Amino acid sequence: HPCRLFTKKGEFVTNIGAIGQGPGEYRAVYKAEIDEKHNCIYLMPFAN
């Protein structure tokens, strides 16, 4: 399943990206970071 974003209260917000091999898609994510100040989420895909 893709990365899932929740509020700090546990409420589901949305999926971030998608599983696949197309542009912006990934098989798995090794590391991630949330940057609320700049309204961004950064994902480092796993392997190559």
ModelCIF file with pLDDT and N, C-alpha, C, O atoms, coordinates in Angstrom:
data_MODEL
#
_entry.id   MODEL 
#
_entity.id                         1 
_entity.type                       polymer 
_entity.pdbx_number_of_molecules   1 
#
_entity_poly.entity_id                      1 
_entity_poly.type                           'polypeptide(L)' 
_entity_poly.nstd_linkage                   no 
_entity_poly.nstd_monomer                   no 
_entity_poly.pdbx_seq_one_letter_code       HPCRLFTKKGEFVTNIGAIGQGPGEYRAVYKAEIDEKHNCIYLMPFAN 
_entity_poly.pdbx_seq_one_letter_code_can   HPCRLFTKKGEFVTNIGAIGQGPGEYRAVYKAEIDEKHNCIYLMPFAN 
_entity_poly.pdbx_strand_id                 A 
#
loop_
_entity_poly_seq.entity_id 
_entity_poly_seq.num 
_entity_poly_seq.mon_id 
_entity_poly_seq.hetero 
1 1  HIS n 
1 2  PRO n 
1 3  CYS n 
1 4  ARG n 
1 5  LEU n 
1 6  PHE n 
1 7  THR n 
1 8  LYS n 
1 9  LYS n 
1 10 GLY n 
1 11 GLU n 
1 12 PHE n 
1 13 VAL n 
1 14 THR n 
1 15 ASN n 
1 16 ILE n 
1 17 GLY n 
1 18 ALA n 
1 19 ILE n 
1 20 GLY n 
1 21 GLN n 
1 22 GLY n 
1 23 PRO n 
1 24 GLY n 
1 25 GLU n 
1 26 TYR n 
1 27 ARG n 
1 28 ALA n 
1 29 VAL n 
1 30 TYR n 
1 31 LYS n 
1 32 ALA n 
1 33 GLU n 
1 34 ILE n 
1 35 ASP n 
1 36 GLU n 
1 37 LYS n 
1 38 HIS n 
1 39 ASN n 
1 40 CYS n 
1 41 ILE n 
1 42 TYR n 
1 43 LEU n 
1 44 MET n 
1 45 PRO n 
1 46 PHE n 
1 47 ALA n 
1 48 ASN n 
#
_struct_asym.id          A 
_struct_asym.entity_id   1 
#
loop_
_ma_qa_metric.id 
_ma_qa_metric.mode 
_ma_qa_metric.name 
_ma_qa_metric.software_group_id 
_ma_qa_metric.type 
1 global pLDDT . pLDDT 
2 local  pLDDT . pLDDT 
#
_ma_qa_metric_global.metric_id      1 
_ma_qa_metric_global.metric_value   93.15 
_ma_qa_metric_global.model_id       1 
_ma_qa_metric_global.ordinal_id     1 
#
loop_
_ma_qa_metric_local.label_asym_id 
_ma_qa_metric_local.label_comp_id 
_ma_qa_metric_local.label_seq_id 
_ma_qa_metric_local.metric_id 
_ma_qa_metric_local.metric_value 
_ma_qa_metric_local.model_id 
_ma_qa_metric_local.ordinal_id 
A HIS 1  2 87.00 1 1  
A PRO 2  2 93.00 1 2  
A CYS 3  2 95.00 1 3  
A ARG 4  2 96.00 1 4  
A LEU 5  2 98.00 1 5  
A PHE 6  2 98.00 1 6  
A THR 7  2 98.00 1 7  
A LYS 8  2 96.00 1 8  
A LYS 9  2 95.00 1 9  
A GLY 10 2 96.00 1 10 
A GLU 11 2 97.00 1 11 
A PHE 12 2 98.00 1 12 
A VAL 13 2 98.00 1 13 
A THR 14 2 97.00 1 14 
A ASN 15 2 96.00 1 15 
A ILE 16 2 96.00 1 16 
A GLY 17 2 93.00 1 17 
A ALA 18 2 92.00 1 18 
A ILE 19 2 90.00 1 19 
A GLY 20 2 88.00 1 20 
A GLN 21 2 84.00 1 21 
A GLY 22 2 83.00 1 22 
A PRO 23 2 79.00 1 23 
A GLY 24 2 76.00 1 24 
A GLU 25 2 86.00 1 25 
A TYR 26 2 90.00 1 26 
A ARG 27 2 88.00 1 27 
A ALA 28 2 89.00 1 28 
A VAL 29 2 93.00 1 29 
A TYR 30 2 93.00 1 30 
A LYS 31 2 95.00 1 31 
A ALA 32 2 96.00 1 32 
A GLU 33 2 97.00 1 33 
A ILE 34 2 98.00 1 34 
A ASP 35 2 98.00 1 35 
A GLU 36 2 98.00 1 36 
A LYS 37 2 97.00 1 37 
A HIS 38 2 98.00 1 38 
A ASN 39 2 98.00 1 39 
A CYS 40 2 98.00 1 40 
A ILE 41 2 98.00 1 41 
A TYR 42 2 98.00 1 42 
A LEU 43 2 97.00 1 43 
A MET 44 2 95.00 1 44 
A PRO 45 2 93.00 1 45 
A PHE 46 2 90.00 1 46 
A ALA 47 2 85.00 1 47 
A ASN 48 2 84.00 1 48 
#
loop_
_atom_site.group_PDB 
_atom_site.id 
_atom_site.type_symbol 
_atom_site.label_atom_id 
_atom_site.label_alt_id 
_atom_site.label_comp_id 
_atom_site.label_asym_id 
_atom_site.label_entity_id 
_atom_site.label_seq_id 
_atom_site.pdbx_PDB_ins_code 
_atom_site.Cartn_x 
_atom_site.Cartn_y 
_atom_site.Cartn_z 
_atom_site.occupancy 
_atom_site.B_iso_or_equiv 
_atom_site.pdbx_formal_charge 
_atom_site.auth_seq_id 
_atom_site.auth_comp_id 
_atom_site.auth_asym_id 
_atom_site.auth_atom_id 
_atom_site.pdbx_PDB_model_num 
ATOM 1   N N  . HIS A 1 1  ? 0.852  -1.186 0.000   1.00 87.00 ? 1  HIS A N  1 
ATOM 2   C CA . HIS A 1 1  ? 0.000  0.000  0.000   1.00 87.00 ? 1  HIS A CA 1 
ATOM 3   C C  . HIS A 1 1  ? 0.891  1.239  0.000   1.00 87.00 ? 1  HIS A C  1 
ATOM 4   O O  . HIS A 1 1  ? 2.025  1.182  0.475   1.00 87.00 ? 1  HIS A O  1 
ATOM 5   N N  . PRO A 1 2  ? 0.397  2.346  -0.522  1.00 93.00 ? 2  PRO A N  1 
ATOM 6   C CA . PRO A 1 2  ? 1.214  3.561  -0.563  1.00 93.00 ? 2  PRO A CA 1 
ATOM 7   C C  . PRO A 1 2  ? 1.388  4.164  0.829   1.00 93.00 ? 2  PRO A C  1 
ATOM 8   O O  . PRO A 1 2  ? 0.757  3.726  1.791   1.00 93.00 ? 2  PRO A O  1 
ATOM 9   N N  . CYS A 1 3  ? 2.248  5.167  0.919   1.00 95.00 ? 3  CYS A N  1 
ATOM 10  C CA . CYS A 1 3  ? 2.412  5.902  2.167   1.00 95.00 ? 3  CYS A CA 1 
ATOM 11  C C  . CYS A 1 3  ? 1.075  6.541  2.542   1.00 95.00 ? 3  CYS A C  1 
ATOM 12  O O  . CYS A 1 3  ? 0.350  7.038  1.680   1.00 95.00 ? 3  CYS A O  1 
ATOM 13  N N  . ARG A 1 4  ? 0.758  6.521  3.835   1.00 96.00 ? 4  ARG A N  1 
ATOM 14  C CA . ARG A 1 4  ? -0.517 7.057  4.299   1.00 96.00 ? 4  ARG A CA 1 
ATOM 15  C C  . ARG A 1 4  ? -0.269 8.196  5.288   1.00 96.00 ? 4  ARG A C  1 
ATOM 16  O O  . ARG A 1 4  ? 0.551  8.092  6.201   1.00 96.00 ? 4  ARG A O  1 
ATOM 17  N N  . LEU A 1 5  ? -1.008 9.287  5.073   1.00 98.00 ? 5  LEU A N  1 
ATOM 18  C CA . LEU A 1 5  ? -0.885 10.460 5.924   1.00 98.00 ? 5  LEU A CA 1 
ATOM 19  C C  . LEU A 1 5  ? -2.097 10.547 6.844   1.00 98.00 ? 5  LEU A C  1 
ATOM 20  O O  . LEU A 1 5  ? -3.239 10.444 6.395   1.00 98.00 ? 5  LEU A O  1 
ATOM 21  N N  . PHE A 1 6  ? -1.832 10.741 8.159   1.00 98.00 ? 6  PHE A N  1 
ATOM 22  C CA . PHE A 1 6  ? -2.868 10.885 9.174   1.00 98.00 ? 6  PHE A CA 1 
ATOM 23  C C  . PHE A 1 6  ? -2.646 12.194 9.922   1.00 98.00 ? 6  PHE A C  1 
ATOM 24  O O  . PHE A 1 6  ? -1.544 12.743 9.922   1.00 98.00 ? 6  PHE A O  1 
ATOM 25  N N  . THR A 1 7  ? -3.705 12.687 10.560  1.00 98.00 ? 7  THR A N  1 
ATOM 26  C CA . THR A 1 7  ? -3.526 13.778 11.501  1.00 98.00 ? 7  THR A CA 1 
ATOM 27  C C  . THR A 1 7  ? -2.910 13.222 12.773  1.00 98.00 ? 7  THR A C  1 
ATOM 28  O O  . THR A 1 7  ? -2.821 12.007 12.946  1.00 98.00 ? 7  THR A O  1 
ATOM 29  N N  . LYS A 1 8  ? -2.486 14.107 13.660  1.00 96.00 ? 8  LYS A N  1 
ATOM 30  C CA . LYS A 1 8  ? -1.893 13.685 14.927  1.00 96.00 ? 8  LYS A CA 1 
ATOM 31  C C  . LYS A 1 8  ? -2.937 13.026 15.831  1.00 96.00 ? 8  LYS A C  1 
ATOM 32  O O  . LYS A 1 8  ? -2.578 12.400 16.829  1.00 96.00 ? 8  LYS A O  1 
ATOM 33  N N  . LYS A 1 9  ? -4.208 13.157 15.500  1.00 95.00 ? 9  LYS A N  1 
ATOM 34  C CA . LYS A 1 9  ? -5.274 12.483 16.248  1.00 95.00 ? 9  LYS A CA 1 
ATOM 35  C C  . LYS A 1 9  ? -5.607 11.119 15.660  1.00 95.00 ? 9  LYS A C  1 
ATOM 36  O O  . LYS A 1 9  ? -6.474 10.415 16.178  1.00 95.00 ? 9  LYS A O  1 
ATOM 37  N N  . GLY A 1 10 ? -4.932 10.744 14.592  1.00 96.00 ? 10 GLY A N  1 
ATOM 38  C CA . GLY A 1 10 ? -5.143 9.432  13.998  1.00 96.00 ? 10 GLY A CA 1 
ATOM 39  C C  . GLY A 1 10 ? -6.109 9.402  12.840  1.00 96.00 ? 10 GLY A C  1 
ATOM 40  O O  . GLY A 1 10 ? -6.385 8.326  12.309  1.00 96.00 ? 10 GLY A O  1 
ATOM 41  N N  . GLU A 1 11 ? -6.641 10.553 12.420  1.00 97.00 ? 11 GLU A N  1 
ATOM 42  C CA . GLU A 1 11 ? -7.615 10.595 11.325  1.00 97.00 ? 11 GLU A CA 1 
ATOM 43  C C  . GLU A 1 11 ? -6.894 10.513 9.979   1.00 97.00 ? 11 GLU A C  1 
ATOM 44  O O  . GLU A 1 11 ? -5.913 11.220 9.746   1.00 97.00 ? 11 GLU A O  1 
ATOM 45  N N  . PHE A 1 12 ? -7.385 9.653  9.106   1.00 98.00 ? 12 PHE A N  1 
ATOM 46  C CA . PHE A 1 12 ? -6.771 9.482  7.793   1.00 98.00 ? 12 PHE A CA 1 
ATOM 47  C C  . PHE A 1 12 ? -6.982 10.721 6.935   1.00 98.00 ? 12 PHE A C  1 
ATOM 48  O O  . PHE A 1 12 ? -8.086 11.261 6.873   1.00 98.00 ? 12 PHE A O  1 
ATOM 49  N N  . VAL A 1 13 ? -5.900 11.176 6.262   1.00 98.00 ? 13 VAL A N  1 
ATOM 50  C CA . VAL A 1 13 ? -5.962 12.358 5.392   1.00 98.00 ? 13 VAL A CA 1 
ATOM 51  C C  . VAL A 1 13 ? -5.954 11.946 3.931   1.00 98.00 ? 13 VAL A C  1 
ATOM 52  O O  . VAL A 1 13 ? -6.893 12.242 3.192   1.00 98.00 ? 13 VAL A O  1 
ATOM 53  N N  . THR A 1 14 ? -4.884 11.255 3.509   1.00 97.00 ? 14 THR A N  1 
ATOM 54  C CA . THR A 1 14 ? -4.770 10.874 2.105   1.00 97.00 ? 14 THR A CA 1 
ATOM 55  C C  . THR A 1 14 ? -3.580 9.936  1.928   1.00 97.00 ? 14 THR A C  1 
ATOM 56  O O  . THR A 1 14 ? -2.734 9.820  2.814   1.00 97.00 ? 14 THR A O  1 
ATOM 57  N N  . ASN A 1 15 ? -3.523 9.274  0.786   1.00 96.00 ? 15 ASN A N  1 
ATOM 58  C CA . ASN A 1 15 ? -2.325 8.547  0.391   1.00 96.00 ? 15 ASN A CA 1 
ATOM 59  C C  . ASN A 1 15 ? -1.311 9.526  -0.205  1.00 96.00 ? 15 ASN A C  1 
ATOM 60  O O  . ASN A 1 15 ? -1.680 10.537 -0.802  1.00 96.00 ? 15 ASN A O  1 
ATOM 61  N N  . ILE A 1 16 ? -0.048 9.211  -0.034  1.00 96.00 ? 16 ILE A N  1 
ATOM 62  C CA . ILE A 1 16 ? 1.024  10.015 -0.613  1.00 96.00 ? 16 ILE A CA 1 
ATOM 63  C C  . ILE A 1 16 ? 1.738  9.150  -1.648  1.00 96.00 ? 16 ILE A C  1 
ATOM 64  O O  . ILE A 1 16 ? 2.428  8.190  -1.303  1.00 96.00 ? 16 ILE A O  1 
ATOM 65  N N  . GLY A 1 17 ? 1.561  9.503  -2.925  1.00 93.00 ? 17 GLY A N  1 
ATOM 66  C CA . GLY A 1 17 ? 2.138  8.709  -3.992  1.00 93.00 ? 17 GLY A CA 1 
ATOM 67  C C  . GLY A 1 17 ? 1.384  7.409  -4.197  1.00 93.00 ? 17 GLY A C  1 
ATOM 68  O O  . GLY A 1 17 ? 0.275  7.230  -3.692  1.00 93.00 ? 17 GLY A O  1 
ATOM 69  N N  . ALA A 1 18 ? 2.004  6.498  -4.950  1.00 92.00 ? 18 ALA A N  1 
ATOM 70  C CA . ALA A 1 18 ? 1.347  5.240  -5.282  1.00 92.00 ? 18 ALA A CA 1 
ATOM 71  C C  . ALA A 1 18 ? 2.387  4.159  -5.519  1.00 92.00 ? 18 ALA A C  1 
ATOM 72  O O  . ALA A 1 18 ? 3.537  4.440  -5.855  1.00 92.00 ? 18 ALA A O  1 
ATOM 73  N N  . ILE A 1 19 ? 1.950  2.894  -5.332  1.00 90.00 ? 19 ILE A N  1 
ATOM 74  C CA . ILE A 1 19 ? 2.810  1.756  -5.620  1.00 90.00 ? 19 ILE A CA 1 
ATOM 75  C C  . ILE A 1 19 ? 2.843  1.536  -7.129  1.00 90.00 ? 19 ILE A C  1 
ATOM 76  O O  . ILE A 1 19 ? 1.796  1.502  -7.775  1.00 90.00 ? 19 ILE A O  1 
ATOM 77  N N  . GLY A 1 20 ? 4.033  1.389  -7.688  1.00 88.00 ? 20 GLY A N  1 
ATOM 78  C CA . GLY A 1 20 ? 4.142  1.156  -9.117  1.00 88.00 ? 20 GLY A CA 1 
ATOM 79  C C  . GLY A 1 20 ? 5.518  1.511  -9.636  1.00 88.00 ? 20 GLY A C  1 
ATOM 80  O O  . GLY A 1 20 ? 6.442  1.746  -8.858  1.00 88.00 ? 20 GLY A O  1 
ATOM 81  N N  . GLN A 1 21 ? 5.654  1.551  -10.941 1.00 84.00 ? 21 GLN A N  1 
ATOM 82  C CA . GLN A 1 21 ? 6.930  1.847  -11.571 1.00 84.00 ? 21 GLN A CA 1 
ATOM 83  C C  . GLN A 1 21 ? 6.853  3.056  -12.494 1.00 84.00 ? 21 GLN A C  1 
ATOM 84  O O  . GLN A 1 21 ? 7.790  3.318  -13.248 1.00 84.00 ? 21 GLN A O  1 
ATOM 85  N N  . GLY A 1 22 ? 5.755  3.791  -12.442 1.00 83.00 ? 22 GLY A N  1 
ATOM 86  C CA . GLY A 1 22 ? 5.605  4.978  -13.265 1.00 83.00 ? 22 GLY A CA 1 
ATOM 87  C C  . GLY A 1 22 ? 6.224  6.199  -12.609 1.00 83.00 ? 22 GLY A C  1 
ATOM 88  O O  . GLY A 1 22 ? 6.798  6.092  -11.525 1.00 83.00 ? 22 GLY A O  1 
ATOM 89  N N  . PRO A 1 23 ? 6.116  7.362  -13.250 1.00 79.00 ? 23 PRO A N  1 
ATOM 90  C CA . PRO A 1 23 ? 6.663  8.601  -12.679 1.00 79.00 ? 23 PRO A CA 1 
ATOM 91  C C  . PRO A 1 23 ? 6.055  8.900  -11.305 1.00 79.00 ? 23 PRO A C  1 
ATOM 92  O O  . PRO A 1 23 ? 4.835  8.896  -11.144 1.00 79.00 ? 23 PRO A O  1 
ATOM 93  N N  . GLY A 1 24 ? 6.912  9.155  -10.327 1.00 76.00 ? 24 GLY A N  1 
ATOM 94  C CA . GLY A 1 24 ? 6.446  9.473  -8.986  1.00 76.00 ? 24 GLY A CA 1 
ATOM 95  C C  . GLY A 1 24 ? 5.927  8.289  -8.205  1.00 76.00 ? 24 GLY A C  1 
ATOM 96  O O  . GLY A 1 24 ? 5.440  8.458  -7.088  1.00 76.00 ? 24 GLY A O  1 
ATOM 97  N N  . GLU A 1 25 ? 6.018  7.074  -8.771  1.00 86.00 ? 25 GLU A N  1 
ATOM 98  C CA . GLU A 1 25 ? 5.572  5.867  -8.076  1.00 86.00 ? 25 GLU A CA 1 
ATOM 99  C C  . GLU A 1 25 ? 6.780  5.121  -7.525  1.00 86.00 ? 25 GLU A C  1 
ATOM 100 O O  . GLU A 1 25 ? 7.911  5.360  -7.947  1.00 86.00 ? 25 GLU A O  1 
ATOM 101 N N  . TYR A 1 26 ? 6.536  4.226  -6.589  1.00 90.00 ? 26 TYR A N  1 
ATOM 102 C CA . TYR A 1 26 ? 7.616  3.526  -5.905  1.00 90.00 ? 26 TYR A CA 1 
ATOM 103 C C  . TYR A 1 26 ? 7.140  2.134  -5.502  1.00 90.00 ? 26 TYR A C  1 
ATOM 104 O O  . TYR A 1 26 ? 5.944  1.867  -5.388  1.00 90.00 ? 26 TYR A O  1 
ATOM 105 N N  . ARG A 1 27 ? 8.112  1.266  -5.291  1.00 88.00 ? 27 ARG A N  1 
ATOM 106 C CA . ARG A 1 27 ? 7.802  -0.059 -4.749  1.00 88.00 ? 27 ARG A CA 1 
ATOM 107 C C  . ARG A 1 27 ? 7.778  -0.018 -3.230  1.00 88.00 ? 27 ARG A C  1 
ATOM 108 O O  . ARG A 1 27 ? 6.914  -0.625 -2.598  1.00 88.00 ? 27 ARG A O  1 
ATOM 109 N N  . ALA A 1 28 ? 8.728  0.698  -2.650  1.00 89.00 ? 28 ALA A N  1 
ATOM 110 C CA . ALA A 1 28 ? 8.815  0.853  -1.203  1.00 89.00 ? 28 ALA A CA 1 
ATOM 111 C C  . ALA A 1 28 ? 9.578  2.135  -0.912  1.00 89.00 ? 28 ALA A C  1 
ATOM 112 O O  . ALA A 1 28 ? 10.275 2.658  -1.782  1.00 89.00 ? 28 ALA A O  1 
ATOM 113 N N  . VAL A 1 29 ? 9.450  2.642  0.305   1.00 93.00 ? 29 VAL A N  1 
ATOM 114 C CA . VAL A 1 29 ? 10.115 3.876  0.722   1.00 93.00 ? 29 VAL A CA 1 
ATOM 115 C C  . VAL A 1 29 ? 11.042 3.560  1.886   1.00 93.00 ? 29 VAL A C  1 
ATOM 116 O O  . VAL A 1 29 ? 10.636 2.934  2.866   1.00 93.00 ? 29 VAL A O  1 
ATOM 117 N N  . TYR A 1 30 ? 12.300 4.001  1.769   1.00 93.00 ? 30 TYR A N  1 
ATOM 118 C CA . TYR A 1 30 ? 13.287 3.713  2.813   1.00 93.00 ? 30 TYR A CA 1 
ATOM 119 C C  . TYR A 1 30 ? 13.247 4.751  3.928   1.00 93.00 ? 30 TYR A C  1 
ATOM 120 O O  . TYR A 1 30 ? 13.285 4.388  5.104   1.00 93.00 ? 30 TYR A O  1 
ATOM 121 N N  . LYS A 1 31 ? 13.171 6.041  3.582   1.00 95.00 ? 31 LYS A N  1 
ATOM 122 C CA . LYS A 1 31 ? 13.108 7.101  4.579   1.00 95.00 ? 31 LYS A CA 1 
ATOM 123 C C  . LYS A 1 31 ? 12.157 8.185  4.093   1.00 95.00 ? 31 LYS A C  1 
ATOM 124 O O  . LYS A 1 31 ? 11.933 8.346  2.893   1.00 95.00 ? 31 LYS A O  1 
ATOM 125 N N  . ALA A 1 32 ? 11.598 8.928  5.053   1.00 96.00 ? 32 ALA A N  1 
ATOM 126 C CA . ALA A 1 32 ? 10.645 9.990  4.711   1.00 96.00 ? 32 ALA A CA 1 
ATOM 127 C C  . ALA A 1 32 ? 10.770 11.127 5.713   1.00 96.00 ? 32 ALA A C  1 
ATOM 128 O O  . ALA A 1 32 ? 11.275 10.946 6.821   1.00 96.00 ? 32 ALA A O  1 
ATOM 129 N N  . GLU A 1 33 ? 10.304 12.296 5.307   1.00 97.00 ? 33 GLU A N  1 
ATOM 130 C CA . GLU A 1 33 ? 10.355 13.479 6.169   1.00 97.00 ? 33 GLU A CA 1 
ATOM 131 C C  . GLU A 1 33 ? 9.147  14.359 5.862   1.00 97.00 ? 33 GLU A C  1 
ATOM 132 O O  . GLU A 1 33 ? 8.789  14.565 4.703   1.00 97.00 ? 33 GLU A O  1 
ATOM 133 N N  . ILE A 1 34 ? 8.522  14.878 6.934   1.00 98.00 ? 34 ILE A N  1 
ATOM 134 C CA . ILE A 1 34 ? 7.412  15.826 6.792   1.00 98.00 ? 34 ILE A CA 1 
ATOM 135 C C  . ILE A 1 34 ? 7.937  17.226 7.078   1.00 98.00 ? 34 ILE A C  1 
ATOM 136 O O  . ILE A 1 34 ? 8.608  17.447 8.086   1.00 98.00 ? 34 ILE A O  1 
ATOM 137 N N  . ASP A 1 35 ? 7.634  18.168 6.195   1.00 98.00 ? 35 ASP A N  1 
ATOM 138 C CA . ASP A 1 35 ? 8.037  19.564 6.360   1.00 98.00 ? 35 ASP A CA 1 
ATOM 139 C C  . ASP A 1 35 ? 6.774  20.421 6.308   1.00 98.00 ? 35 ASP A C  1 
ATOM 140 O O  . ASP A 1 35 ? 6.371  20.890 5.244   1.00 98.00 ? 35 ASP A O  1 
ATOM 141 N N  . GLU A 1 36 ? 6.155  20.617 7.478   1.00 98.00 ? 36 GLU A N  1 
ATOM 142 C CA . GLU A 1 36 ? 4.908  21.388 7.518   1.00 98.00 ? 36 GLU A CA 1 
ATOM 143 C C  . GLU A 1 36 ? 5.131  22.842 7.115   1.00 98.00 ? 36 GLU A C  1 
ATOM 144 O O  . GLU A 1 36 ? 4.269  23.449 6.479   1.00 98.00 ? 36 GLU A O  1 
ATOM 145 N N  . LYS A 1 37 ? 6.279  23.403 7.482   1.00 97.00 ? 37 LYS A N  1 
ATOM 146 C CA . LYS A 1 37 ? 6.557  24.809 7.187   1.00 97.00 ? 37 LYS A CA 1 
ATOM 147 C C  . LYS A 1 37 ? 6.449  25.096 5.696   1.00 97.00 ? 37 LYS A C  1 
ATOM 148 O O  . LYS A 1 37 ? 5.942  26.144 5.297   1.00 97.00 ? 37 LYS A O  1 
ATOM 149 N N  . HIS A 1 38 ? 6.925  24.169 4.877   1.00 98.00 ? 38 HIS A N  1 
ATOM 150 C CA . HIS A 1 38 ? 6.928  24.368 3.431   1.00 98.00 ? 38 HIS A CA 1 
ATOM 151 C C  . HIS A 1 38 ? 5.878  23.510 2.732   1.00 98.00 ? 38 HIS A C  1 
ATOM 152 O O  . HIS A 1 38 ? 5.886  23.386 1.507   1.00 98.00 ? 38 HIS A O  1 
ATOM 153 N N  . ASN A 1 39 ? 4.968  22.914 3.521   1.00 98.00 ? 39 ASN A N  1 
ATOM 154 C CA . ASN A 1 39 ? 3.857  22.134 2.960   1.00 98.00 ? 39 ASN A CA 1 
ATOM 155 C C  . ASN A 1 39 ? 4.363  21.011 2.057   1.00 98.00 ? 39 ASN A C  1 
ATOM 156 O O  . ASN A 1 39 ? 3.844  20.798 0.961   1.00 98.00 ? 39 ASN A O  1 
ATOM 157 N N  . CYS A 1 40 ? 5.397  20.287 2.541   1.00 98.00 ? 40 CYS A N  1 
ATOM 158 C CA . CYS A 1 40 ? 6.018  19.249 1.716   1.00 98.00 ? 40 CYS A CA 1 
ATOM 159 C C  . CYS A 1 40 ? 6.214  17.952 2.486   1.00 98.00 ? 40 CYS A C  1 
ATOM 160 O O  . CYS A 1 40 ? 6.398  17.947 3.703   1.00 98.00 ? 40 CYS A O  1 
ATOM 161 N N  . ILE A 1 41 ? 6.169  16.866 1.747   1.00 98.00 ? 41 ILE A N  1 
ATOM 162 C CA . ILE A 1 41 ? 6.572  15.546 2.227   1.00 98.00 ? 41 ILE A CA 1 
ATOM 163 C C  . ILE A 1 41 ? 7.639  15.029 1.275   1.00 98.00 ? 41 ILE A C  1 
ATOM 164 O O  . ILE A 1 41 ? 7.469  15.078 0.056   1.00 98.00 ? 41 ILE A O  1 
ATOM 165 N N  . TYR A 1 42 ? 8.749  14.528 1.836   1.00 98.00 ? 42 TYR A N  1 
ATOM 166 C CA . TYR A 1 42 ? 9.867  14.030 1.044   1.00 98.00 ? 42 TYR A CA 1 
ATOM 167 C C  . TYR A 1 42 ? 9.990  12.519 1.241   1.00 98.00 ? 42 TYR A C  1 
ATOM 168 O O  . TYR A 1 42 ? 9.995  12.038 2.374   1.00 98.00 ? 42 TYR A O  1 
ATOM 169 N N  . LEU A 1 43 ? 10.089 11.777 0.147   1.00 97.00 ? 43 LEU A N  1 
ATOM 170 C CA . LEU A 1 43 ? 10.216 10.324 0.191   1.00 97.00 ? 43 LEU A CA 1 
ATOM 171 C C  . LEU A 1 43 ? 11.492 9.883  -0.512  1.00 97.00 ? 43 LEU A C  1 
ATOM 172 O O  . LEU A 1 43 ? 11.758 10.287 -1.644  1.00 97.00 ? 43 LEU A O  1 
ATOM 173 N N  . MET A 1 44 ? 12.285 9.049  0.170   1.00 95.00 ? 44 MET A N  1 
ATOM 174 C CA . MET A 1 44 ? 13.456 8.422  -0.430  1.00 95.00 ? 44 MET A CA 1 
ATOM 175 C C  . MET A 1 44 ? 13.080 6.982  -0.782  1.00 95.00 ? 44 MET A C  1 
ATOM 176 O O  . MET A 1 44 ? 12.994 6.145  0.116   1.00 95.00 ? 44 MET A O  1 
ATOM 177 N N  . PRO A 1 45 ? 12.856 6.669  -2.054  1.00 93.00 ? 45 PRO A N  1 
ATOM 178 C CA . PRO A 1 45 ? 12.503 5.297  -2.427  1.00 93.00 ? 45 PRO A CA 1 
ATOM 179 C C  . PRO A 1 45 ? 13.607 4.305  -2.069  1.00 93.00 ? 45 PRO A C  1 
ATOM 180 O O  . PRO A 1 45 ? 14.782 4.659  -1.973  1.00 93.00 ? 45 PRO A O  1 
ATOM 181 N N  . PHE A 1 46 ? 13.198 3.068  -1.876  1.00 90.00 ? 46 PHE A N  1 
ATOM 182 C CA . PHE A 1 46 ? 14.119 1.992  -1.525  1.00 90.00 ? 46 PHE A CA 1 
ATOM 183 C C  . PHE A 1 46 ? 14.749 1.401  -2.780  1.00 90.00 ? 46 PHE A C  1 
ATOM 184 O O  . PHE A 1 46 ? 14.050 1.082  -3.741  1.00 90.00 ? 46 PHE A O  1 
ATOM 185 N N  . ALA A 1 47 ? 16.075 1.255  -2.768  1.00 85.00 ? 47 ALA A N  1 
ATOM 186 C CA . ALA A 1 47 ? 16.848 0.531  -3.784  1.00 85.00 ? 47 ALA A CA 1 
ATOM 187 C C  . ALA A 1 47 ? 16.961 1.288  -5.107  1.00 85.00 ? 47 ALA A C  1 
ATOM 188 O O  . ALA A 1 47 ? 15.975 1.511  -5.809  1.00 85.00 ? 47 ALA A O  1 
ATOM 189 N N  . ASN A 1 48 ? 18.186 1.671  -5.417  1.00 84.00 ? 48 ASN A N  1 
ATOM 190 C CA . ASN A 1 48 ? 18.542 2.266  -6.717  1.00 84.00 ? 48 ASN A CA 1 
ATOM 191 C C  . ASN A 1 48 ? 17.704 3.499  -7.049  1.00 84.00 ? 48 ASN A C  1 
ATOM 192 O O  . ASN A 1 48 ? 17.888 4.104  -8.105  1.00 84.00 ? 48 ASN A O  1 
#
